[in-house]
Amino acid sequence: MKAAVLAMGPTGFGVLGAMGLALSCGAAGAFVVHVASSCPLTANGSLGGFDLTVAFNKNPLVCYDPDAHIFYPCDGGLLHGVATFVAFILNYNATWVQRAEARRQACTELAAQFWAQTALRRTPPQVRIVPIRISNDPDTVRLICHVWGFFPPAVTIQWLQNGLVLASDDTELLPNGDWTYRTQTTLRASTAAGSTYTCSVWHSSLEQPLQVDWSPNLSPGMMAQVAVAAMALTLGS
């Protein structure tokens, strides 16, 4: 019998043995057998189906039909004979059908909980304004409003000058690795004293807009802190 690696627990050795016996007469070398199941959710969070597959070297070999409660060969190539034999073994042992049904039941029970913890959750954004000096224009500064860590992705950002709404560029949403999003928008602002610029962020997680102000009257110490924060944001993204 050829060498094998099992990724489906000790109860799967019967299937592995059947595969090994079926493949022992061929030229197959080491192989990996694993069981994969999935239950996709629809756009409203309801269960969209259930799939369970016994895979051989990452290729589907035997699939489960949840309506008929049987396993069937889903490999129509060179291993179709092996797939038919393995499907017969799985259907002969009621434990495998029970295991498949237990996984489908788990999907049904956990779908609502998973949906609530992911798609329906509300994570408020964080906001920071970073000023960038323009070397050839000392009377103008480029303000970058960084908005990050929010979910769902829908967000509205406005620039205000002394409380009056200004036009701003469209923002591009970028996903983070923790199911949150980030974006930024820029504004050219005057360095003349007397104006306060505000980045106002509207998001479904907030009861009122989150607003952060910037003024050209910042002290050198505050400017240094902003510069450090800008570097941290750049490195963090």
C-alpha atoms as a PDB file:
ATOM      1  CA  MET A   1       0.000   0.000   0.000  1.00  0.00           C
ATOM      2  CA  LYS A   2       1.294   3.439  -0.882  1.00  0.00           C
ATOM      3  CA  ALA A   3       2.153   6.091   1.697  1.00  0.00           C
ATOM      4  CA  ALA A   4      -0.678   8.411   2.641  1.00  0.00           C
ATOM      5  CA  VAL A   5      -1.461  11.466   4.764  1.00  0.00           C
ATOM      6  CA  LEU A   6      -4.855  11.734   6.445  1.00  0.00           C
ATOM      7  CA  ALA A   7      -6.525  15.044   7.278  1.00  0.00           C
ATOM      8  CA  MET A   8      -9.920  13.825   8.432  1.00  0.00           C
ATOM      9  CA  GLY A   9      -9.430  12.291  11.879  1.00  0.00           C
ATOM     10  CA  PRO A  10      -9.069   8.686  13.083  1.00  0.00           C
ATOM     11  CA  THR A  11     -12.626   7.759  12.078  1.00  0.00           C
ATOM     12  CA  GLY A  12     -11.673   8.194   8.429  1.00  0.00           C
ATOM     13  CA  PHE A  13      -9.124   5.387   8.314  1.00  0.00           C
ATOM     14  CA  GLY A  14     -11.692   3.075   6.735  1.00  0.00           C
ATOM     15  CA  VAL A  15     -12.044   5.377   3.769  1.00  0.00           C
ATOM     16  CA  LEU A  16      -8.295   5.890   3.603  1.00  0.00           C
ATOM     17  CA  GLY A  17      -7.789   2.148   3.639  1.00  0.00           C
ATOM     18  CA  ALA A  18     -10.289   1.722   0.840  1.00  0.00           C
ATOM     19  CA  MET A  19      -8.523   4.359  -1.228  1.00  0.00           C
ATOM     20  CA  GLY A  20      -5.149   2.879  -0.491  1.00  0.00           C
ATOM     21  CA  LEU A  21      -6.369  -0.560  -1.533  1.00  0.00           C
ATOM     22  CA  ALA A  22      -7.877   0.820  -4.729  1.00  0.00           C
ATOM     23  CA  LEU A  23      -4.739   2.779  -5.593  1.00  0.00           C
ATOM     24  CA  SER A  24      -2.196   0.198  -4.544  1.00  0.00           C
ATOM     25  CA  CYS A  25      -2.312  -1.504  -7.912  1.00  0.00           C
ATOM     26  CA  GLY A  26      -1.598   1.722  -9.788  1.00  0.00           C
ATOM     27  CA  ALA A  27       1.372   4.005  -9.964  1.00  0.00           C
ATOM     28  CA  ALA A  28       0.166   6.508  -7.405  1.00  0.00           C
ATOM     29  CA  GLY A  29       2.657   7.761  -4.856  1.00  0.00           C
ATOM     30  CA  ALA A  30       1.983   9.626  -1.637  1.00  0.00           C
ATOM     31  CA  PHE A  31      -1.438  11.247  -1.465  1.00  0.00           C
ATOM     32  CA  VAL A  32      -3.604  13.412   0.782  1.00  0.00           C
ATOM     33  CA  VAL A  33      -7.245  12.716   1.578  1.00  0.00           C
ATOM     34  CA  HIS A  34      -9.352  15.323   3.327  1.00  0.00           C
ATOM     35  CA  VAL A  35     -12.998  16.162   3.944  1.00  0.00           C
ATOM     36  CA  ALA A  36     -14.195  19.716   3.209  1.00  0.00           C
ATOM     37  CA  SER A  37     -17.645  21.114   3.917  1.00  0.00           C
ATOM     38  CA  SER A  38     -19.142  24.534   3.251  1.00  0.00           C
ATOM     39  CA  CYS A  39     -22.461  26.301   3.662  1.00  0.00           C
ATOM     40  CA  PRO A  40     -22.623  29.570   1.693  1.00  0.00           C
ATOM     41  CA  LEU A  41     -24.918  32.335   2.907  1.00  0.00           C
ATOM     42  CA  THR A  42     -27.173  34.398   0.663  1.00  0.00           C
ATOM     43  CA  ALA A  43     -27.266  38.205   0.609  1.00  0.00           C
ATOM     44  CA  ASN A  44     -29.850  38.274   3.425  1.00  0.00           C
ATOM     45  CA  GLY A  45     -27.932  35.861   5.654  1.00  0.00           C
ATOM     46  CA  SER A  46     -30.021  32.739   5.040  1.00  0.00           C
ATOM     47  CA  LEU A  47     -28.429  29.392   4.260  1.00  0.00           C
ATOM     48  CA  GLY A  48     -27.782  29.060   0.540  1.00  0.00           C
ATOM     49  CA  GLY A  49     -26.920  25.377   0.439  1.00  0.00           C
ATOM     50  CA  PHE A  50     -24.603  22.764   1.853  1.00  0.00           C
ATOM     51  CA  ASP A  51     -21.630  20.970   0.308  1.00  0.00           C
ATOM     52  CA  LEU A  52     -19.494  18.152   1.675  1.00  0.00           C
ATOM     53  CA  THR A  53     -16.692  16.659  -0.385  1.00  0.00           C
ATOM     54  CA  VAL A  54     -14.102  13.961   0.098  1.00  0.00           C
ATOM     55  CA  ALA A  55     -11.085  15.232  -1.826  1.00  0.00           C
ATOM     56  CA  PHE A  56      -8.062  13.363  -3.113  1.00  0.00           C
ATOM     57  CA  ASN A  57      -4.971  15.539  -3.605  1.00  0.00           C
ATOM     58  CA  LYS A  58      -7.276  18.617  -3.427  1.00  0.00           C
ATOM     59  CA  ASN A  59      -9.501  17.300  -6.232  1.00  0.00           C
ATOM     60  CA  PRO A  60     -13.148  16.419  -5.431  1.00  0.00           C
ATOM     61  CA  LEU A  61     -13.556  12.669  -5.454  1.00  0.00           C
ATOM     62  CA  VAL A  62     -16.827  11.921  -3.619  1.00  0.00           C
ATOM     63  CA  CYS A  63     -19.612  14.452  -2.967  1.00  0.00           C
ATOM     64  CA  TYR A  64     -22.625  14.392  -0.680  1.00  0.00           C
ATOM     65  CA  ASP A  65     -26.191  14.985  -1.868  1.00  0.00           C
ATOM     66  CA  PRO A  66     -28.041  16.566   1.094  1.00  0.00           C
ATOM     67  CA  ASP A  67     -31.450  16.040  -0.523  1.00  0.00           C
ATOM     68  CA  ALA A  68     -31.003  12.321  -1.196  1.00  0.00           C
ATOM     69  CA  HIS A  69     -28.750  11.752   1.860  1.00  0.00           C
ATOM     70  CA  ILE A  70     -26.227   9.776  -0.174  1.00  0.00           C
ATOM     71  CA  PHE A  71     -22.623  10.078  -1.326  1.00  0.00           C
ATOM     72  CA  TYR A  72     -21.912   9.888  -5.045  1.00  0.00           C
ATOM     73  CA  PRO A  73     -18.758   9.934  -7.207  1.00  0.00           C
ATOM     74  CA  CYS A  74     -18.014  13.443  -8.459  1.00  0.00           C
ATOM     75  CA  ASP A  75     -14.812  12.558 -10.306  1.00  0.00           C
ATOM     76  CA  GLY A  76     -15.511  11.671 -13.918  1.00  0.00           C
ATOM     77  CA  GLY A  77     -11.881  11.144 -14.877  1.00  0.00           C
ATOM     78  CA  LEU A  78      -9.300   8.451 -14.233  1.00  0.00           C
ATOM     79  CA  LEU A  79     -10.371   8.002 -10.604  1.00  0.00           C
ATOM     80  CA  HIS A  80     -14.070   7.538 -11.339  1.00  0.00           C
ATOM     81  CA  GLY A  81     -13.838   3.856 -10.451  1.00  0.00           C
ATOM     82  CA  VAL A  82     -12.135   4.637  -7.154  1.00  0.00           C
ATOM     83  CA  ALA A  83     -14.709   7.361  -6.446  1.00  0.00           C
ATOM     84  CA  THR A  84     -17.557   4.912  -7.071  1.00  0.00           C
ATOM     85  CA  PHE A  85     -15.999   2.393  -4.710  1.00  0.00           C
ATOM     86  CA  VAL A  86     -15.406   4.978  -1.960  1.00  0.00           C
ATOM     87  CA  ALA A  87     -18.948   6.324  -2.334  1.00  0.00           C
ATOM     88  CA  PHE A  88     -20.261   2.770  -1.858  1.00  0.00           C
ATOM     89  CA  ILE A  89     -18.190   2.387   1.330  1.00  0.00           C
ATOM     90  CA  LEU A  90     -19.454   5.715   2.711  1.00  0.00           C
ATOM     91  CA  ASN A  91     -23.089   4.928   1.957  1.00  0.00           C
ATOM     92  CA  TYR A  92     -22.739   1.430   3.424  1.00  0.00           C
ATOM     93  CA  ASN A  93     -21.586   2.945   6.753  1.00  0.00           C
ATOM     94  CA  ALA A  94     -24.457   5.024   8.144  1.00  0.00           C
ATOM     95  CA  THR A  95     -21.999   6.902  10.369  1.00  0.00           C
ATOM     96  CA  TRP A  96     -20.794   8.992   7.427  1.00  0.00           C
ATOM     97  CA  VAL A  97     -24.283  10.064   6.422  1.00  0.00           C
ATOM     98  CA  GLN A  98     -24.983  10.963  10.051  1.00  0.00           C
ATOM     99  CA  ARG A  99     -21.781  12.979  10.189  1.00  0.00           C
ATOM    100  CA  ALA A 100     -22.695  14.848   7.014  1.00  0.00           C
ATOM    101  CA  GLU A 101     -26.158  15.634   8.366  1.00  0.00           C
ATOM    102  CA  ALA A 102     -24.657  16.798  11.656  1.00  0.00           C
ATOM    103  CA  ARG A 103     -22.473  19.269   9.763  1.00  0.00           C
ATOM    104  CA  ARG A 104     -25.435  20.530   7.790  1.00  0.00           C
ATOM    105  CA  GLN A 105     -27.416  21.017  10.995  1.00  0.00           C
ATOM    106  CA  ALA A 106     -24.490  22.928  12.503  1.00  0.00           C
ATOM    107  CA  CYS A 107     -24.480  25.224   9.478  1.00  0.00           C
ATOM    108  CA  THR A 108     -28.178  25.914   9.938  1.00  0.00           C
ATOM    109  CA  GLU A 109     -27.795  26.698  13.630  1.00  0.00           C
ATOM    110  CA  LEU A 110     -24.665  28.812  13.294  1.00  0.00           C
ATOM    111  CA  ALA A 111     -25.657  30.773  10.179  1.00  0.00           C
ATOM    112  CA  ALA A 112     -27.667  33.409  12.061  1.00  0.00           C
ATOM    113  CA  GLN A 113     -24.981  33.793  14.733  1.00  0.00           C
ATOM    114  CA  PHE A 114     -22.196  34.089  12.158  1.00  0.00           C
ATOM    115  CA  TRP A 115     -24.184  36.607  10.118  1.00  0.00           C
ATOM    116  CA  ALA A 116     -24.864  38.747  13.179  1.00  0.00           C
ATOM    117  CA  GLN A 117     -21.190  38.753  14.177  1.00  0.00           C
ATOM    118  CA  THR A 118     -19.935  39.631  10.693  1.00  0.00           C
ATOM    119  CA  ALA A 119     -22.250  41.220   8.147  1.00  0.00           C
ATOM    120  CA  LEU A 120     -24.649  42.816  10.654  1.00  0.00           C
ATOM    121  CA  ARG A 121     -22.081  44.151  13.091  1.00  0.00           C
ATOM    122  CA  ARG A 122     -21.348  47.876  13.408  1.00  0.00           C
ATOM    123  CA  THR A 123     -17.760  49.000  14.017  1.00  0.00           C
ATOM    124  CA  PRO A 124     -17.251  52.767  14.327  1.00  0.00           C
ATOM    125  CA  PRO A 125     -14.478  54.503  12.381  1.00  0.00           C
ATOM    126  CA  GLN A 126     -11.423  56.269  13.700  1.00  0.00           C
ATOM    127  CA  VAL A 127     -10.451  59.611  12.156  1.00  0.00           C
ATOM    128  CA  ARG A 128      -7.260  61.645  11.993  1.00  0.00           C
ATOM    129  CA  ILE A 129      -6.200  64.659   9.913  1.00  0.00           C
ATOM    130  CA  VAL A 130      -2.594  64.744   8.691  1.00  0.00           C
ATOM    131  CA  PRO A 131      -1.232  67.988   7.160  1.00  0.00           C
ATOM    132  CA  ILE A 132       1.392  67.803   4.399  1.00  0.00           C
ATOM    133  CA  ARG A 133       3.361  70.946   3.661  1.00  0.00           C
ATOM    134  CA  ILE A 134       3.682  71.943  -0.014  1.00  0.00           C
ATOM    135  CA  SER A 135       7.281  73.022  -0.584  1.00  0.00           C
ATOM    136  CA  ASN A 136       6.644  75.391  -3.511  1.00  0.00           C
ATOM    137  CA  ASP A 137       3.518  76.925  -1.969  1.00  0.00           C
ATOM    138  CA  PRO A 138       4.041  78.001   1.659  1.00  0.00           C
ATOM    139  CA  ASP A 139       0.544  79.504   1.828  1.00  0.00           C
ATOM    140  CA  THR A 140      -1.151  76.163   1.154  1.00  0.00           C
ATOM    141  CA  VAL A 141      -1.175  72.836   2.932  1.00  0.00           C
ATOM    142  CA  ARG A 142      -2.571  69.493   1.799  1.00  0.00           C
ATOM    143  CA  LEU A 143      -4.801  67.946   4.457  1.00  0.00           C
ATOM    144  CA  ILE A 144      -5.328  64.188   4.430  1.00  0.00           C
ATOM    145  CA  CYS A 145      -8.244  62.831   6.428  1.00  0.00           C
ATOM    146  CA  HIS A 146      -7.561  59.190   7.317  1.00  0.00           C
ATOM    147  CA  VAL A 147     -10.641  57.131   8.223  1.00  0.00           C
ATOM    148  CA  TRP A 148     -10.126  53.511   9.231  1.00  0.00           C
ATOM    149  CA  GLY A 149     -11.388  50.512  11.190  1.00  0.00           C
ATOM    150  CA  PHE A 150     -15.073  50.785  10.224  1.00  0.00           C
ATOM    151  CA  PHE A 151     -17.753  48.309   9.132  1.00  0.00           C
ATOM    152  CA  PRO A 152     -20.005  48.145   7.133  1.00  0.00           C
ATOM    153  CA  PRO A 153     -18.077  49.817   4.314  1.00  0.00           C
ATOM    154  CA  ALA A 154     -20.630  52.535   3.500  1.00  0.00           C
ATOM    155  CA  VAL A 155     -19.252  55.849   4.773  1.00  0.00           C
ATOM    156  CA  THR A 156     -19.694  59.542   3.930  1.00  0.00           C
ATOM    157  CA  ILE A 157     -16.891  62.064   4.442  1.00  0.00           C
ATOM    158  CA  GLN A 158     -17.218  65.834   4.180  1.00  0.00           C
ATOM    159  CA  TRP A 159     -14.740  68.675   4.534  1.00  0.00           C
ATOM    160  CA  LEU A 160     -15.910  71.818   6.328  1.00  0.00           C
ATOM    161  CA  GLN A 161     -14.272  75.215   6.679  1.00  0.00           C
ATOM    162  CA  ASN A 162     -15.483  77.154   9.692  1.00  0.00           C
ATOM    163  CA  GLY A 163     -18.613  75.003   9.673  1.00  0.00           C
ATOM    164  CA  LEU A 164     -19.385  75.434   5.945  1.00  0.00           C
ATOM    165  CA  VAL A 165     -19.311  72.376   3.685  1.00  0.00           C
ATOM    166  CA  LEU A 166     -16.563  72.313   1.039  1.00  0.00           C
ATOM    167  CA  ALA A 167     -16.249  70.065  -2.021  1.00  0.00           C
ATOM    168  CA  SER A 168     -14.016  67.013  -1.650  1.00  0.00           C
ATOM    169  CA  ASP A 169     -12.740  64.189  -3.837  1.00  0.00           C
ATOM    170  CA  ASP A 170     -14.431  60.787  -4.016  1.00  0.00           C
ATOM    171  CA  THR A 171     -12.847  58.267  -1.689  1.00  0.00           C
ATOM    172  CA  GLU A 172     -11.660  54.757  -2.489  1.00  0.00           C
ATOM    173  CA  LEU A 173     -12.454  52.058   0.055  1.00  0.00           C
ATOM    174  CA  LEU A 174      -9.712  49.581   0.904  1.00  0.00           C
ATOM    175  CA  PRO A 175     -10.317  46.399   2.932  1.00  0.00           C
ATOM    176  CA  ASN A 176      -8.258  45.576   5.995  1.00  0.00           C
ATOM    177  CA  GLY A 177      -7.443  42.043   7.052  1.00  0.00           C
ATOM    178  CA  ASP A 178      -9.842  42.156  10.011  1.00  0.00           C
ATOM    179  CA  TRP A 179     -13.133  42.659   8.140  1.00  0.00           C
ATOM    180  CA  THR A 180     -12.946  46.437   8.442  1.00  0.00           C
ATOM    181  CA  TYR A 181     -12.272  49.133   5.859  1.00  0.00           C
ATOM    182  CA  ARG A 182     -10.177  52.249   5.506  1.00  0.00           C
ATOM    183  CA  THR A 183     -10.171  55.248   3.224  1.00  0.00           C
ATOM    184  CA  GLN A 184      -8.844  58.789   2.972  1.00  0.00           C
ATOM    185  CA  THR A 185      -9.691  62.086   1.337  1.00  0.00           C
ATOM    186  CA  THR A 186      -7.579  65.171   0.699  1.00  0.00           C
ATOM    187  CA  LEU A 187      -8.133  68.929   0.692  1.00  0.00           C
ATOM    188  CA  ARG A 188      -5.919  71.863  -0.213  1.00  0.00           C
ATOM    189  CA  ALA A 189      -6.227  74.380   2.615  1.00  0.00           C
ATOM    190  CA  SER A 190      -4.870  77.833   3.327  1.00  0.00           C
ATOM    191  CA  THR A 191      -2.238  78.247   6.032  1.00  0.00           C
ATOM    192  CA  ALA A 192      -3.546  81.723   6.887  1.00  0.00           C
ATOM    193  CA  ALA A 193      -4.719  82.075  10.473  1.00  0.00           C
ATOM    194  CA  GLY A 194      -8.388  82.271  11.266  1.00  0.00           C
ATOM    195  CA  SER A 195      -9.775  79.167   9.566  1.00  0.00           C
ATOM    196  CA  THR A 196     -10.642  75.798  11.038  1.00  0.00           C
ATOM    197  CA  TYR A 197     -10.953  72.787   8.731  1.00  0.00           C
ATOM    198  CA  THR A 198     -13.068  69.833   9.796  1.00  0.00           C
ATOM    199  CA  CYS A 199     -13.216  66.280   8.516  1.00  0.00           C
ATOM    200  CA  SER A 200     -16.775  65.075   9.207  1.00  0.00           C
ATOM    201  CA  VAL A 201     -17.489  61.333   8.956  1.00  0.00           C
ATOM    202  CA  TRP A 202     -20.980  59.825   8.771  1.00  0.00           C
ATOM    203  CA  HIS A 203     -21.326  56.083   9.452  1.00  0.00           C
ATOM    204  CA  SER A 204     -24.177  53.771  10.472  1.00  0.00           C
ATOM    205  CA  SER A 205     -22.365  52.886  13.716  1.00  0.00           C
ATOM    206  CA  LEU A 206     -22.510  56.516  14.880  1.00  0.00           C
ATOM    207  CA  GLU A 207     -25.423  58.411  16.377  1.00  0.00           C
ATOM    208  CA  GLN A 208     -23.914  61.669  15.100  1.00  0.00           C
ATOM    209  CA  PRO A 209     -21.046  62.557  12.747  1.00  0.00           C
ATOM    210  CA  LEU A 210     -17.518  62.052  14.017  1.00  0.00           C
ATOM    211  CA  GLN A 211     -15.613  65.284  13.464  1.00  0.00           C
ATOM    212  CA  VAL A 212     -11.921  66.125  13.712  1.00  0.00           C
ATOM    213  CA  ASP A 213     -10.636  69.705  13.386  1.00  0.00           C
ATOM    214  CA  TRP A 214      -7.398  71.140  12.049  1.00  0.00           C
ATOM    215  CA  SER A 215      -6.216  74.721  12.236  1.00  0.00           C
ATOM    216  CA  PRO A 216      -3.032  76.377  10.880  1.00  0.00           C
ATOM    217  CA  ASN A 217      -2.532  77.768  14.400  1.00  0.00           C
ATOM    218  CA  LEU A 218      -1.158  74.460  15.697  1.00  0.00           C
ATOM    219  CA  SER A 219       1.976  74.803  17.798  1.00  0.00           C
ATOM    220  CA  PRO A 220       5.268  73.255  16.597  1.00  0.00           C
ATOM    221  CA  GLY A 221       4.881  70.551  19.238  1.00  0.00           C
ATOM    222  CA  MET A 222       1.435  69.614  17.949  1.00  0.00           C
ATOM    223  CA  MET A 223       2.756  69.577  14.376  1.00  0.00           C
ATOM    224  CA  ALA A 224       5.464  67.146  15.456  1.00  0.00           C
ATOM    225  CA  GLN A 225       2.862  64.864  17.049  1.00  0.00           C
ATOM    226  CA  VAL A 226       0.790  64.947  13.875  1.00  0.00           C
ATOM    227  CA  ALA A 227       3.844  64.077  11.793  1.00  0.00           C
ATOM    228  CA  VAL A 228       4.565  61.054  14.004  1.00  0.00           C
ATOM    229  CA  ALA A 229       0.935  59.969  13.720  1.00  0.00           C
ATOM    230  CA  ALA A 230       1.101  60.290   9.943  1.00  0.00           C
ATOM    231  CA  MET A 231       4.165  58.057   9.811  1.00  0.00           C
ATOM    232  CA  ALA A 232       2.449  55.469  12.024  1.00  0.00           C
ATOM    233  CA  LEU A 233      -0.627  55.469   9.777  1.00  0.00           C
ATOM    234  CA  THR A 234       1.521  55.056   6.673  1.00  0.00           C
ATOM    235  CA  LEU A 235       3.488  52.163   8.131  1.00  0.00           C
ATOM    236  CA  GLY A 236       0.341  50.555   9.541  1.00  0.00           C
ATOM    237  CA  SER A 237      -1.455  50.506   6.198  1.00  0.00           C
END
